[in-house]
Protein backbone atom coordinates (compact mmCIF):
# COMPACT_ATOMS: atom_id res chain seq x y z
CA MET A 1 17.43 15.02 -21.46
CA THR A 2 17.29 11.35 -22.37
CA THR A 3 14.39 9.08 -23.33
CA GLN A 4 14.12 5.71 -21.63
CA SER A 5 11.51 2.96 -21.63
CA LEU A 6 10.21 2.97 -18.05
CA ASN A 7 7.56 1.00 -16.23
CA GLY A 8 5.41 2.60 -13.54
CA ASP A 9 7.82 1.70 -10.72
CA GLN A 10 10.79 3.20 -12.54
CA ALA A 11 8.92 6.32 -13.63
CA MET A 12 7.94 7.03 -10.02
CA ALA A 13 11.55 6.55 -8.91
CA TYR A 14 12.94 8.90 -11.56
CA GLY A 15 10.23 11.42 -10.72
CA ALA A 16 11.29 11.34 -7.09
CA LEU A 17 14.96 11.78 -7.97
CA ALA A 18 14.23 14.66 -10.34
CA GLY A 19 11.90 16.09 -7.69
CA GLY A 20 14.82 16.39 -5.27
CA VAL A 21 13.91 13.65 -2.78
CA LYS A 22 16.38 13.28 0.08
CA VAL A 23 14.75 10.68 2.38
CA VAL A 24 12.85 7.56 1.28
CA THR A 25 11.13 5.20 3.73
CA SER A 26 8.86 2.17 3.37
CA TYR A 27 7.81 -1.15 4.80
CA PRO A 28 8.00 -3.87 2.10
CA GLY A 29 4.79 -4.46 0.18
CA SER A 30 3.80 -4.45 -3.47
CA PRO A 31 2.84 -2.41 -5.32
CA SER A 32 5.26 0.42 -4.42
CA SER A 33 8.25 -1.69 -3.31
CA GLY A 34 9.54 -1.69 -6.88
CA THR A 35 10.06 2.05 -6.69
CA VAL A 36 11.90 1.70 -3.38
CA GLU A 37 14.14 -1.05 -4.75
CA MET A 38 15.14 1.19 -7.64
CA LEU A 39 15.87 4.09 -5.31
CA ILE A 40 17.98 1.78 -3.15
CA GLY A 41 20.07 1.10 -6.25
CA SER A 42 20.45 4.86 -6.79
CA ALA A 43 20.94 5.86 -3.15
CA LEU A 44 24.73 6.12 -3.02
CA LYS A 45 25.05 7.77 -6.43
CA HIS A 46 22.45 10.44 -5.69
CA GLU A 47 23.18 10.76 -1.96
CA ILE A 48 19.69 9.92 -0.74
CA TYR A 49 18.77 8.07 2.45
CA VAL A 50 16.62 4.95 1.97
CA GLU A 51 15.39 2.56 4.65
CA TRP A 52 13.06 -0.36 5.14
CA SER A 53 11.29 0.70 8.31
CA ALA A 54 9.92 -1.60 11.03
CA ASN A 55 6.37 -0.74 9.95
CA GLU A 56 4.45 1.82 7.88
CA LYS A 57 3.65 4.08 10.83
CA VAL A 58 7.35 4.42 11.62
CA ALA A 59 8.11 5.00 7.92
CA MET A 60 5.55 7.81 7.84
CA GLU A 61 6.87 9.41 11.02
CA ILE A 62 10.44 9.44 9.67
CA GLY A 63 9.14 11.12 6.50
CA ILE A 64 7.37 13.73 8.62
CA GLY A 65 10.55 14.41 10.58
CA ALA A 66 12.59 14.81 7.40
CA SER A 67 10.02 17.27 6.04
CA MET A 68 10.25 19.34 9.23
CA THR A 69 13.95 19.90 8.52
CA GLY A 70 13.15 21.30 5.07
CA ARG A 71 14.15 18.25 3.05
CA ARG A 72 11.94 16.40 0.57
CA ALA A 73 10.72 12.96 1.64
CA LEU A 74 8.93 10.05 -0.06
CA VAL A 75 7.02 7.42 1.91
CA CYS A 76 5.98 4.31 -0.02
CA THR A 77 3.23 1.96 1.11
CA LYS A 78 0.63 -0.49 -0.10
CA SER A 79 -3.07 -0.22 0.64
CA VAL A 80 -3.14 -2.02 4.00
CA GLY A 81 0.02 -0.16 4.99
CA LEU A 82 -1.83 3.14 4.63
CA ASN A 83 -4.25 1.82 7.25
CA VAL A 84 -1.31 1.41 9.64
CA MET A 85 -0.09 4.99 9.15
CA ILE A 86 -3.52 6.65 9.46
CA ASP A 87 -2.89 7.77 13.05
CA PRO A 88 -0.01 10.20 12.35
CA LEU A 89 -1.63 11.22 9.05
CA MET A 90 -4.74 12.44 10.86
CA ALA A 91 -2.53 14.91 12.70
CA LEU A 92 -0.21 15.64 9.78
CA ASN A 93 -3.13 17.03 7.75
CA LEU A 94 -3.50 19.77 10.40
CA THR A 95 0.19 20.68 10.58
CA PRO A 96 1.49 22.55 7.52
CA VAL A 97 4.39 20.51 6.10
CA HIS A 98 7.68 22.23 5.37
CA GLY A 99 9.82 20.20 2.96
CA GLY A 100 7.89 18.42 0.24
CA LEU A 101 6.27 15.23 1.53
CA VAL A 102 4.81 12.66 -0.89
CA ILE A 103 3.11 9.33 -0.16
CA LEU A 104 3.23 6.72 -2.92
CA LEU A 105 0.20 4.52 -2.31
CA GLY A 106 -0.08 1.16 -4.05
CA ASP A 107 -3.62 -0.20 -4.23
CA ASP A 108 -4.16 -3.79 -5.37
CA PRO A 109 -7.53 -4.22 -7.13
CA GLY A 110 -7.82 -7.93 -7.74
CA ALA A 111 -5.94 -8.71 -4.50
CA TYR A 112 -3.02 -10.22 -6.43
CA GLY A 113 -0.77 -9.87 -3.39
CA SER A 114 -3.02 -8.61 -0.60
CA GLN A 115 -5.41 -10.04 1.95
CA ASN A 116 -8.19 -7.71 0.78
CA ASP A 117 -9.49 -5.92 -2.32
CA GLN A 118 -9.25 -2.53 -0.64
CA ASP A 119 -10.12 0.79 -2.24
CA SER A 120 -7.97 3.35 -0.43
CA ARG A 121 -9.31 6.40 -2.26
CA PRO A 122 -12.06 7.19 0.31
CA LEU A 123 -9.27 7.70 2.84
CA ALA A 124 -8.31 10.88 0.95
CA LEU A 125 -11.74 12.25 1.88
CA HIS A 126 -11.24 11.08 5.45
CA MET A 127 -7.80 12.69 5.71
CA GLU A 128 -8.70 15.69 3.53
CA MET A 129 -5.43 15.26 1.64
CA LEU A 130 -4.58 15.86 -2.03
CA MET A 131 -4.67 12.61 -4.01
CA LEU A 132 -3.55 12.08 -7.61
CA GLU A 133 -3.54 9.03 -9.88
CA PRO A 134 -1.53 8.82 -13.12
CA SER A 135 -2.73 7.12 -16.28
CA SER A 136 0.71 6.29 -17.70
CA PRO A 137 4.39 6.05 -16.68
CA ALA A 138 5.06 9.42 -18.36
CA GLU A 139 2.32 11.00 -16.29
CA ALA A 140 3.63 9.19 -13.18
CA TYR A 141 7.05 10.78 -13.68
CA ALA A 142 5.52 14.24 -14.10
CA MET A 143 3.14 13.80 -11.14
CA MET A 144 5.85 12.64 -8.77
CA HIS A 145 8.15 15.47 -9.81
CA GLU A 146 5.40 18.07 -9.40
CA ALA A 147 4.02 16.59 -6.18
CA PHE A 148 7.00 17.80 -4.16
CA ILE A 149 6.49 21.33 -5.50
CA LEU A 150 2.75 21.20 -4.74
CA SER A 151 3.48 19.90 -1.26
CA GLU A 152 5.78 22.80 -0.44
CA LYS A 153 3.59 25.43 -2.11
CA HIS A 154 0.44 24.38 -0.26
CA HIS A 155 2.12 22.96 2.86
CA THR A 156 0.34 19.62 2.55
CA ALA A 157 1.35 16.03 2.00
CA VAL A 158 0.42 14.69 -1.45
CA ILE A 159 -0.75 11.12 -2.10
CA ILE A 160 -0.05 9.53 -5.48
CA ARG A 161 -2.09 6.38 -6.00
CA GLU A 162 -1.03 3.56 -8.30
CA THR A 163 -2.21 0.00 -8.86
CA ARG A 164 -0.27 -3.21 -9.32
CA SER A 165 -1.19 -3.47 -13.01
CA PHE A 166 -0.18 0.14 -13.56
CA THR A 167 3.34 -0.45 -12.23
CA GLN A 168 4.01 -3.00 -14.98
CA GLN A 169 3.00 -0.75 -17.89
CA SER A 170 5.96 0.59 -19.91
CA MET A 171 6.45 3.47 -22.30
CA PRO A 172 9.19 5.90 -23.41
CA VAL A 173 9.64 8.69 -20.88
CA GLU A 174 11.84 11.75 -21.27
CA ILE A 175 13.87 12.37 -18.12
CA PRO A 176 16.55 14.95 -17.31
CA ASP A 177 20.13 13.85 -16.89
CA GLY A 178 21.47 14.01 -13.34
CA PRO A 179 22.72 15.19 -10.97
CA TYR A 180 19.39 16.20 -9.42
CA PRO A 181 19.29 19.19 -7.04
CA GLN A 182 17.94 18.46 -3.55
CA PRO A 183 16.27 21.59 -2.16
CA ASP A 184 16.97 22.40 1.47
CA LEU A 185 14.53 24.85 3.04
CA GLY A 186 16.27 24.66 6.41
CA VAL A 187 14.80 23.62 9.73
CA VAL A 188 11.64 25.45 10.76
CA ARG A 189 10.75 25.89 14.45
CA GLU A 190 7.52 27.83 14.79
CA PRO A 191 5.40 27.61 17.96
CA TYR A 192 2.45 25.24 17.44
CA ARG A 193 3.13 24.70 13.73
CA PHE A 194 3.68 20.99 14.24
CA VAL A 195 1.73 20.77 17.49
CA PRO A 196 -2.02 20.18 17.06
CA VAL A 197 -3.72 20.36 20.47
CA PRO A 198 -7.30 21.05 21.62
CA ILE A 199 -6.78 24.83 21.73
CA ASN A 200 -5.81 25.04 18.05
CA ALA A 201 -7.33 21.91 16.42
CA VAL A 202 -10.43 23.67 15.07
CA ALA A 203 -8.40 26.62 13.75
CA LYS A 204 -5.98 24.22 12.08
CA HIS A 205 -8.92 22.32 10.58
CA ARG A 206 -10.26 25.59 9.21
CA ALA A 207 -6.83 26.34 7.73
CA LEU A 208 -6.79 22.89 6.14
CA HIS A 209 -10.04 23.66 4.36
CA ALA A 210 -8.54 26.95 3.13
CA THR A 211 -5.57 24.98 1.78
CA LEU A 212 -7.86 22.64 -0.14
CA LYS A 213 -9.65 25.62 -1.67
CA ALA A 214 -6.30 27.08 -2.70
CA ILE A 215 -5.43 23.83 -4.52
CA ILE A 216 -8.61 23.92 -6.64
CA PRO A 217 -7.39 26.48 -9.25
CA TRP A 218 -4.39 24.24 -9.96
CA ALA A 219 -6.61 21.15 -10.14
CA GLU A 220 -8.87 22.85 -12.69
CA LYS A 221 -5.97 23.77 -14.99
CA THR A 222 -3.61 20.81 -14.73
CA ALA A 223 -3.14 18.58 -17.76
CA TYR A 224 -3.80 15.57 -15.53
CA ASN A 225 -7.49 16.37 -16.12
CA ARG A 226 -8.42 16.86 -19.75
CA ILE A 227 -11.24 16.21 -22.19
CA LEU A 228 -10.79 14.31 -25.45
CA GLY A 229 -13.30 13.75 -28.26
CA ALA A 230 -16.78 15.22 -28.78
CA GLY A 231 -20.45 14.31 -28.53
CA ARG A 232 -23.38 14.32 -26.12
CA LYS A 233 -22.27 11.13 -24.41
CA GLY A 234 -19.45 11.27 -21.89
CA VAL A 235 -17.05 8.81 -20.26
CA VAL A 236 -14.99 9.61 -17.17
CA GLY A 237 -11.81 7.55 -17.03
CA VAL A 238 -10.26 7.69 -13.57
CA GLY A 239 -6.49 7.41 -13.33
CA PHE A 240 -5.12 4.25 -14.93
CA ALA A 241 -8.62 3.29 -16.11
CA SER A 242 -8.41 6.09 -18.68
CA ARG A 243 -5.30 4.43 -20.14
CA LYS A 244 -7.27 1.20 -20.52
CA ILE A 245 -10.01 3.09 -22.37
CA LEU A 246 -7.44 4.61 -24.73
CA ASP A 247 -5.98 1.15 -25.32
CA ILE A 248 -9.42 0.01 -26.53
CA LEU A 249 -9.39 3.07 -28.79
CA ASP A 250 -5.88 2.10 -29.95
CA GLY A 251 -4.53 5.33 -28.51
CA GLU A 252 -6.75 7.61 -30.59
CA PRO A 253 -9.30 10.15 -29.29
CA PRO A 254 -12.85 8.77 -29.16
CA ASP A 255 -15.17 9.56 -32.07
CA SER A 256 -18.46 8.49 -30.48
CA PHE A 257 -18.16 10.06 -27.01
CA ARG A 258 -16.23 12.61 -24.97
CA LEU A 259 -13.61 11.29 -22.56
CA LEU A 260 -12.68 13.11 -19.36
CA LYS A 261 -9.32 11.83 -18.16
CA LEU A 262 -9.39 12.45 -14.43
CA GLY A 263 -6.07 12.42 -12.60
CA VAL A 264 -6.93 14.56 -9.56
CA LEU A 265 -9.07 12.41 -7.27
CA TYR A 266 -9.25 14.77 -4.27
CA PRO A 267 -10.19 17.55 -4.11
CA LEU A 268 -12.28 17.08 -7.25
CA PRO A 269 -11.90 19.75 -9.97
CA ARG A 270 -15.55 20.76 -9.80
CA LYS A 271 -15.57 23.28 -12.66
CA ILE A 272 -14.19 20.98 -15.34
CA ILE A 273 -16.54 18.24 -14.14
CA ALA A 274 -19.49 20.64 -14.10
CA ASP A 275 -18.72 21.75 -17.65
CA PHE A 276 -18.42 18.10 -18.70
CA LEU A 277 -21.78 17.23 -17.13
CA ARG A 278 -23.42 20.27 -18.66
CA GLU A 279 -22.45 19.10 -22.15
CA SER A 280 -23.37 15.45 -21.58
CA GLU A 281 -26.72 13.66 -21.69
CA GLU A 282 -25.25 10.55 -20.05
CA VAL A 283 -21.95 9.81 -18.37
CA LEU A 284 -20.33 6.41 -17.83
CA VAL A 285 -17.72 6.36 -15.05
CA VAL A 286 -14.89 3.86 -15.44
CA GLU A 287 -12.74 3.36 -12.34
CA GLU A 288 -10.95 0.64 -10.39
CA ASN A 289 -12.36 -0.67 -7.11
CA GLY A 290 -15.64 0.82 -5.86
CA PRO A 291 -17.84 3.66 -7.19
CA PHE A 292 -15.81 6.36 -5.43
CA ILE A 293 -15.85 8.96 -8.21
CA GLU A 294 -19.23 7.83 -9.53
CA SER A 295 -20.90 8.56 -6.17
CA GLN A 296 -19.31 12.01 -5.96
CA LEU A 297 -20.34 12.86 -9.52
CA LYS A 298 -23.93 11.94 -8.75
CA ALA A 299 -23.89 14.22 -5.72
CA LEU A 300 -22.31 17.02 -7.73
CA ALA A 301 -24.86 16.60 -10.57
CA HIS A 302 -27.69 16.83 -8.05
CA GLU A 303 -26.17 19.95 -6.52
CA LEU A 304 -25.78 21.56 -9.96
CA GLY A 305 -29.26 20.57 -11.10
CA SER A 306 -27.70 18.64 -13.99
CA SER A 307 -29.98 16.27 -15.87
CA ALA A 308 -27.05 14.10 -16.99
CA LYS A 309 -27.61 10.47 -16.10
CA ILE A 310 -24.52 9.04 -14.41
CA LEU A 311 -23.86 5.33 -14.78
CA GLY A 312 -21.12 2.92 -13.81
CA LYS A 313 -20.63 0.33 -11.12
CA GLN A 314 -23.83 1.22 -9.30
CA GLY A 315 -25.78 0.63 -12.50
CA GLY A 316 -24.19 -2.76 -13.05
CA TYR A 317 -22.04 -1.76 -16.02
CA LEU A 318 -18.82 -2.71 -14.23
CA PRO A 319 -18.10 -4.90 -11.17
CA ASP A 320 -17.33 -3.43 -7.75
CA GLU A 321 -14.79 -6.15 -7.04
CA GLY A 322 -11.43 -7.02 -8.53
CA GLU A 323 -9.51 -5.35 -11.33
CA VAL A 324 -11.50 -3.81 -14.18
CA PHE A 325 -10.04 -5.52 -17.23
CA ARG A 326 -10.09 -3.99 -20.70
CA TRP A 327 -12.57 -6.56 -22.03
CA ARG A 328 -15.00 -5.55 -19.28
CA ILE A 329 -14.62 -1.87 -20.15
CA GLN A 330 -15.08 -2.70 -23.83
CA ASN A 331 -18.28 -4.63 -23.03
CA ALA A 332 -19.55 -1.83 -20.81
CA LEU A 333 -18.98 0.72 -23.58
CA SER A 334 -20.79 -1.49 -26.09
CA GLN A 335 -23.69 -2.09 -23.70
CA TRP A 336 -24.00 1.62 -22.93
CA LEU A 337 -23.36 2.82 -26.48
CA PRO A 338 -24.58 0.18 -29.00
CA GLU A 339 -22.99 1.98 -31.94
CA PHE A 340 -19.55 1.90 -30.28
CA ILE A 341 -16.97 -0.09 -32.25
CA PRO A 342 -13.67 -0.75 -30.45
CA LYS A 343 -10.57 -0.06 -32.50
CA LYS A 344 -8.72 -2.77 -30.62
CA THR A 345 -10.50 -5.87 -29.31
CA PHE A 346 -9.92 -7.47 -25.92
CA LEU A 347 -11.45 -10.85 -25.04
CA LYS A 348 -12.48 -12.41 -21.73
CA GLU A 349 -10.57 -15.58 -22.54
CA ASN A 350 -7.38 -13.50 -22.73
CA GLU A 351 -7.95 -11.91 -19.33
CA ASP A 352 -4.81 -13.51 -17.91
CA ASP A 353 -2.75 -11.48 -20.38
CA GLU A 354 -3.86 -8.34 -18.53
CA LYS A 355 -3.13 -9.61 -15.05
CA PRO A 356 0.10 -8.34 -13.55
CA THR A 357 2.92 -10.80 -13.19
CA LYS A 358 3.89 -11.59 -9.65
CA ARG A 359 7.25 -12.84 -8.46
CA SER A 360 6.85 -15.70 -6.03
CA PHE A 361 9.24 -15.76 -3.11
CA CYS A 362 7.63 -18.85 -1.61
CA GLY A 363 9.65 -21.48 -3.46
CA GLY A 364 11.08 -24.02 -1.04
CA CYS A 365 8.85 -22.81 1.81
CA ARG A 366 8.84 -25.36 4.63
CA TYR A 367 6.02 -24.02 6.79
CA GLU A 368 3.98 -27.13 6.00
CA GLU A 369 6.65 -29.06 7.88
CA VAL A 370 6.36 -26.70 10.85
CA LEU A 371 2.61 -27.26 11.06
CA ASP A 372 3.11 -31.00 10.59
CA LYS A 373 5.43 -31.06 13.62
CA LEU A 374 2.98 -28.95 15.64
CA GLU A 375 0.12 -31.27 14.71
CA GLU A 376 2.21 -34.30 15.62
CA ALA A 377 3.02 -32.87 19.03
CA SER A 378 -0.58 -31.78 19.63
CA LYS A 379 -2.02 -35.22 18.95
CA GLY A 380 0.12 -36.61 21.74
CA PHE A 381 -1.82 -34.42 24.16
CA GLY A 382 -5.16 -34.99 22.47
CA GLN A 383 -5.19 -31.34 21.39
CA ASN A 384 -6.33 -29.61 18.19
CA PRO A 385 -4.81 -26.12 18.55
CA PHE A 386 -6.72 -23.06 17.34
CA LEU A 387 -4.25 -21.61 14.80
CA ILE A 388 -4.10 -17.85 14.17
CA GLY A 389 -1.62 -16.65 11.56
CA ASP A 390 -0.32 -13.38 10.17
CA PRO A 391 -0.19 -12.29 6.51
CA GLY A 392 3.00 -13.00 4.64
CA CYS A 393 4.54 -16.40 4.03
CA LEU A 394 1.78 -18.09 6.01
CA VAL A 395 -0.43 -17.66 2.95
CA THR A 396 1.19 -20.88 1.75
CA VAL A 397 -0.50 -22.77 4.61
CA ALA A 398 -3.65 -20.64 4.77
CA ASP A 399 -5.86 -23.69 4.36
CA ARG A 400 -4.59 -25.01 7.69
CA LEU A 401 -5.21 -21.81 9.68
CA ASP A 402 -8.35 -20.98 11.63
CA ALA A 403 -7.88 -17.25 11.06
CA LYS A 404 -5.51 -14.66 9.55
CA TYR A 405 -6.03 -10.90 9.69
CA ALA A 406 -3.52 -8.04 9.64
CA MET A 407 0.23 -7.92 10.08
CA GLY A 408 1.05 -8.40 13.76
CA SER A 409 -2.51 -9.35 14.75
CA ALA A 410 -2.01 -13.07 15.43
CA VAL A 411 -0.99 -12.63 19.08
CA GLY A 412 -3.91 -10.36 19.99
CA VAL A 413 -6.49 -12.46 18.15
CA ALA A 414 -5.17 -15.69 19.68
CA ASP A 415 -5.29 -14.05 23.11
CA GLY A 416 -8.91 -13.12 22.52
CA VAL A 417 -9.71 -16.72 21.61
CA SER A 418 -8.03 -17.87 24.81
CA LYS A 419 -9.63 -15.24 27.06
CA ALA A 420 -13.09 -16.23 25.78
CA GLY A 421 -12.54 -19.71 27.19
CA CYS A 422 -11.80 -21.77 24.07
CA LYS A 423 -11.02 -25.31 25.21
CA GLU A 424 -8.27 -25.74 22.63
CA ARG A 425 -4.86 -24.09 23.04
CA ALA A 426 -4.72 -20.86 21.05
CA VAL A 427 -1.57 -20.61 18.93
CA ALA A 428 -0.31 -17.44 17.25
CA ILE A 429 2.03 -18.02 14.30
CA PHE A 430 3.91 -15.12 12.74
CA GLY A 431 7.19 -14.21 11.09
CA ASP A 432 10.14 -12.23 12.37
CA SER A 433 9.18 -9.19 10.28
CA ALA A 434 5.64 -9.25 11.73
CA PHE A 435 7.15 -9.47 15.22
CA PHE A 436 8.96 -6.17 14.74
CA HIS A 437 6.09 -4.67 12.71
CA THR A 438 3.25 -4.71 15.26
CA ALA A 439 3.27 -8.00 17.18
CA LEU A 440 5.48 -6.70 19.99
CA PRO A 441 2.81 -4.49 21.68
CA ALA A 442 0.46 -7.49 21.71
CA VAL A 443 3.19 -9.57 23.35
CA CYS A 444 3.54 -6.93 26.08
CA ASN A 445 -0.24 -6.94 26.51
CA ALA A 446 -0.26 -10.75 26.74
CA VAL A 447 2.40 -10.69 29.46
CA HIS A 448 0.59 -8.02 31.46
CA ASN A 449 -2.77 -9.80 31.23
CA ARG A 450 -1.42 -13.27 32.07
CA SER A 451 -2.12 -14.88 28.71
CA ARG A 452 -1.59 -18.61 28.24
CA ILE A 453 -1.31 -18.70 24.46
CA LEU A 454 1.51 -20.31 22.52
CA MET A 455 3.40 -17.97 20.20
CA ILE A 456 5.45 -19.38 17.31
CA VAL A 457 7.86 -17.06 15.48
CA LEU A 458 9.06 -18.30 12.10
CA ASP A 459 12.44 -16.57 11.96
CA ASN A 460 13.47 -16.17 8.31
CA LYS A 461 15.94 -13.38 9.04
CA ALA A 462 14.14 -11.44 6.28
CA THR A 463 10.78 -10.05 5.18
CA SER A 464 10.36 -13.14 3.04
CA ALA A 465 7.00 -12.80 1.29
CA SER A 466 7.89 -9.37 -0.16
CA GLY A 467 11.33 -10.21 -1.49
CA PHE A 468 13.62 -10.90 1.49
CA GLN A 469 14.14 -7.29 2.50
CA PRO A 470 15.90 -6.81 5.86
CA ASN A 471 14.06 -6.11 9.11
CA PRO A 472 15.39 -5.05 12.53
CA GLY A 473 16.32 -8.66 13.28
CA VAL A 474 18.75 -8.77 10.34
CA GLY A 475 22.33 -7.55 10.55
CA ARG A 476 22.15 -5.34 7.47
CA ASN A 477 20.12 -2.35 6.30
CA ALA A 478 18.37 -1.54 3.02
CA LEU A 479 21.69 -0.74 1.32
CA GLY A 480 23.27 -4.00 2.45
CA GLN A 481 25.43 -2.27 5.05
CA ASN A 482 26.09 -3.77 8.48
CA ALA A 483 23.47 -2.87 11.06
CA PRO A 484 22.62 -4.01 14.62
CA ALA A 485 20.50 -7.18 14.60
CA LEU A 486 17.88 -7.23 17.36
CA ASP A 487 17.40 -10.57 19.12
CA ILE A 488 13.77 -11.74 19.34
CA GLU A 489 14.36 -14.06 22.30
CA ARG A 490 16.12 -11.39 24.40
CA ILE A 491 13.41 -8.84 23.60
CA VAL A 492 10.58 -11.20 24.53
CA ARG A 493 12.37 -12.27 27.71
CA ALA A 494 12.81 -8.61 28.65
CA CYS A 495 9.06 -8.15 28.12
CA GLY A 496 8.40 -10.84 30.74
CA VAL A 497 7.88 -14.06 28.76
CA LYS A 498 9.52 -16.77 30.84
CA SER A 499 8.86 -19.92 28.82
CA ILE A 500 10.94 -19.67 25.62
CA PHE A 501 12.08 -22.47 23.29
CA THR A 502 14.27 -22.32 20.21
CA SER A 503 14.64 -24.84 17.41
CA ASN A 504 15.49 -25.32 13.77
CA LEU A 505 13.64 -27.50 11.29
CA ASP A 506 16.73 -29.63 10.83
CA ASP A 507 17.88 -29.73 14.44
CA THR A 508 18.06 -33.21 15.91
CA ALA A 509 18.78 -32.09 19.47
CA PRO A 510 16.11 -31.29 20.36
CA PRO A 511 13.91 -32.04 17.35
CA LEU A 512 11.13 -29.57 16.58
CA ALA A 513 8.33 -32.01 17.48
CA GLU A 514 9.84 -32.40 20.96
CA VAL A 515 10.17 -28.62 21.33
CA PHE A 516 6.49 -28.26 20.45
CA ARG A 517 5.55 -30.96 22.97
CA ASN A 518 7.41 -29.11 25.72
CA ALA A 519 5.84 -25.81 24.67
CA LEU A 520 2.30 -27.27 24.58
CA ASN A 521 2.91 -28.80 28.02
CA SER A 522 3.69 -25.32 29.35
CA SER A 523 0.53 -23.78 30.80
CA GLY A 524 1.53 -20.13 30.68
CA LEU A 525 2.49 -17.69 27.92
CA THR A 526 5.05 -19.49 25.79
CA LEU A 527 7.23 -18.62 22.80
CA VAL A 528 8.84 -20.96 20.29
CA VAL A 529 11.33 -19.46 17.83
CA VAL A 530 11.73 -21.64 14.74
CA ARG A 531 14.78 -20.62 12.78
CA ILE A 532 14.42 -21.17 9.05
CA ASP A 533 18.02 -21.88 8.08
CA LYS A 534 19.03 -20.21 4.82
CA LYS A 535 20.63 -23.45 3.70
CA THR A 536 17.34 -25.28 4.02
CA HIS A 537 15.00 -22.55 2.73
CA ARG A 538 15.48 -22.71 -1.02
CA ALA A 539 13.94 -19.27 -1.60
CA LEU A 540 16.56 -17.69 0.61
């Protein structure tokens, strides 16, 4: 065993290695990409397979397939990526997994690198799937390691939730020296095990509920849920929020209230919570994002006939939006418990010190120039195009877009604008990674339904906004090895798009403004591929 200082990303990666992971898949997106990047660096040494998948749904499906063969798989995603993989997950919950299958879910309270401030925890209720959240890197290592065992024991996928701020916390963590065994349960081929259909869906749903009940005894005993301190006042710290509370206490147990550190988010350990409520006159719930746990505790208290008053976000003690900073928790504790004296003080004016650092990959971005050329060409026709963008690098020109929703949505949204009769030309602008992610089905739909929109692909030959990871249009894979590079123009032409133009920002023959004029003069469905040359894109 050795002790190393690890941040949350690294602790998750070591936990996966020690847990015997064999297959790792992901679509780039922080938080969670840091863990994948570390595993990429360890892939050859530890003989694991790692890939950047075309999108999160594909990543999830590869993980499912690996599990079916009896090998342990890790699928990493951010909050909005979980939305993309919901479809297979809503069948996976009914099909008992074989090899351990873990989903590392990175939520982003504060929206530091996301288009929304999403709370993904309610999806655990929706999917009826075990969800855990660590409070520290040491706990993250232990959770990840144990999650594979839990997955195989109870035949269910396990979700481990983390936040962006959590990933950047560091502490000494004891880890075993390699090599790490990789269990192989062998391929399983049982009739209907992995085949949910109408004749067995209800029975499988009933079996899922039995699985959740079987998990409860473990949830009640695990050290991820534990009570510190004493008194008739209680605080529930959920996941990483409990670490923030302990920071205010300077790492010592509370002396003016009892603290329930809650690391199992679904299914809730009802007995330990019931005992906690029974011994508490009032309970303050501290959690990131919305009042997910607070609402469930109120329902449980009502069911138990508990007189404990439960407070938190719904009572105005903490905000529903953004990250819950330590100074806010400190103020909430002081407001709720006037005699409370923090052992370590955090101030609002130092809030930026708590915010996670974010690497910017947008340096040298030239998308302003692209829009300038489009605007120049449009004015020649007396047009003011309706611009629909995709997330990613286009955030740098967000002020010039009319709309921006999910990855791959620009084509469909622009087509809707056009089909509704908008007098201006609808233009969908998206990157090469978004094209392979989910834009392609919308392109097929646009061809079939005779769309007249203009599509502009900004071809970076990388997933630029997340750190220049490869996508299917790049001639290398996650490990930097040679791989087939798919050609966007050939794919779109095969789909039926007939009007296709290609240019480069620095091309003089033909210049980009002229290419845009020709494209805008085309009345049917049109594609312009703008290649962002690595020599001219400083960030590349």
